[in-house]
Amino acid sequence: MMNEKKPLSQSNEKAGAVEKDRKPYEKPMIVYRQPLEARASICNPGAGGKSDATCTVAFS
């Protein structure tokens, strides 16, 4: 036969070997947390979207 399929046990053994080689997941440490600043903007398209829009940006 030209197309020989590997038995499932061989595939599972390789997958198991990969799982053993992986390092356990370590949650990343947050070094600096920037204060959250909300920003809102309102944009009005001019001339039906064919020209530049005018936007107003406001910080809270």
C-alpha atoms as a PDB file:
ATOM      1  CA  MET A   1       0.000   0.000   0.000  1.00  0.00           C
ATOM      2  CA  MET A   2       1.222   3.478  -0.813  1.00  0.00           C
ATOM      3  CA  ASN A   3      -0.666   5.266   1.959  1.00  0.00           C
ATOM      4  CA  GLU A   4       0.252   3.583   5.210  1.00  0.00           C
ATOM      5  CA  LYS A   5      -1.251   5.121   8.317  1.00  0.00           C
ATOM      6  CA  LYS A   6       0.595   5.057  11.605  1.00  0.00           C
ATOM      7  CA  PRO A   7      -1.187   3.298  14.428  1.00  0.00           C
ATOM      8  CA  LEU A   8      -2.754   5.664  16.924  1.00  0.00           C
ATOM      9  CA  SER A   9      -0.495   4.422  19.706  1.00  0.00           C
ATOM     10  CA  GLN A  10       2.626   5.751  17.926  1.00  0.00           C
ATOM     11  CA  SER A  11       1.018   9.147  17.391  1.00  0.00           C
ATOM     12  CA  ASN A  12      -0.062   9.281  21.033  1.00  0.00           C
ATOM     13  CA  GLU A  13       3.441   8.355  22.214  1.00  0.00           C
ATOM     14  CA  LYS A  14       4.955  11.263  20.264  1.00  0.00           C
ATOM     15  CA  ALA A  15       2.340  13.668  21.605  1.00  0.00           C
ATOM     16  CA  GLY A  16       3.043  12.442  25.135  1.00  0.00           C
ATOM     17  CA  ALA A  17       6.775  13.021  24.681  1.00  0.00           C
ATOM     18  CA  VAL A  18       6.137  16.595  23.568  1.00  0.00           C
ATOM     19  CA  GLU A  19       3.921  17.225  26.611  1.00  0.00           C
ATOM     20  CA  LYS A  20       6.658  15.948  28.945  1.00  0.00           C
ATOM     21  CA  ASP A  21       9.249  18.293  27.388  1.00  0.00           C
ATOM     22  CA  ARG A  22       7.123  21.419  27.896  1.00  0.00           C
ATOM     23  CA  LYS A  23       7.772  23.696  30.841  1.00  0.00           C
ATOM     24  CA  PRO A  24       4.817  24.464  33.110  1.00  0.00           C
ATOM     25  CA  TYR A  25       3.026  27.741  32.376  1.00  0.00           C
ATOM     26  CA  GLU A  26       4.185  30.661  34.470  1.00  0.00           C
ATOM     27  CA  LYS A  27       1.920  33.669  34.746  1.00  0.00           C
ATOM     28  CA  PRO A  28       3.780  36.826  33.618  1.00  0.00           C
ATOM     29  CA  MET A  29       4.687  39.292  36.335  1.00  0.00           C
ATOM     30  CA  ILE A  30       3.365  42.844  35.983  1.00  0.00           C
ATOM     31  CA  VAL A  31       6.287  45.176  36.621  1.00  0.00           C
ATOM     32  CA  TYR A  32       4.515  48.518  36.104  1.00  0.00           C
ATOM     33  CA  ARG A  33       0.822  49.188  35.849  1.00  0.00           C
ATOM     34  CA  GLN A  34       0.006  52.495  34.175  1.00  0.00           C
ATOM     35  CA  PRO A  35      -3.046  54.286  35.541  1.00  0.00           C
ATOM     36  CA  LEU A  36      -6.081  53.782  33.366  1.00  0.00           C
ATOM     37  CA  GLU A  37      -7.191  56.954  31.655  1.00  0.00           C
ATOM     38  CA  ALA A  38     -10.458  56.992  29.784  1.00  0.00           C
ATOM     39  CA  ARG A  39     -10.516  58.764  26.455  1.00  0.00           C
ATOM     40  CA  ALA A  40     -13.540  59.504  24.340  1.00  0.00           C
ATOM     41  CA  SER A  41     -13.685  60.894  20.851  1.00  0.00           C
ATOM     42  CA  ILE A  42     -16.542  62.024  18.687  1.00  0.00           C
ATOM     43  CA  CYS A  43     -15.990  62.111  14.933  1.00  0.00           C
ATOM     44  CA  ASN A  44     -18.349  63.622  12.403  1.00  0.00           C
ATOM     45  CA  PRO A  45     -17.686  62.692   8.785  1.00  0.00           C
ATOM     46  CA  GLY A  46     -17.972  65.665   6.469  1.00  0.00           C
ATOM     47  CA  ALA A  47     -19.404  65.686   2.940  1.00  0.00           C
ATOM     48  CA  GLY A  48     -20.770  62.168   3.156  1.00  0.00           C
ATOM     49  CA  GLY A  49     -17.418  60.598   4.020  1.00  0.00           C
ATOM     50  CA  LYS A  50     -15.554  62.086   1.035  1.00  0.00           C
ATOM     51  CA  SER A  51     -13.566  64.627   3.058  1.00  0.00           C
ATOM     52  CA  ASP A  52     -11.653  64.580   6.328  1.00  0.00           C
ATOM     53  CA  ALA A  53     -13.666  64.013   9.476  1.00  0.00           C
ATOM     54  CA  THR A  54     -13.670  66.468  12.350  1.00  0.00           C
ATOM     55  CA  CYS A  55     -12.948  64.769  15.663  1.00  0.00           C
ATOM     56  CA  THR A  56     -13.213  66.047  19.210  1.00  0.00           C
ATOM     57  CA  VAL A  57     -11.136  64.200  21.809  1.00  0.00           C
ATOM     58  CA  ALA A  58     -11.880  64.489  25.529  1.00  0.00           C
ATOM     59  CA  PHE A  59     -10.080  62.959  28.512  1.00  0.00           C
ATOM     60  CA  SER A  60     -11.715  62.086  31.765  1.00  0.00           C
END
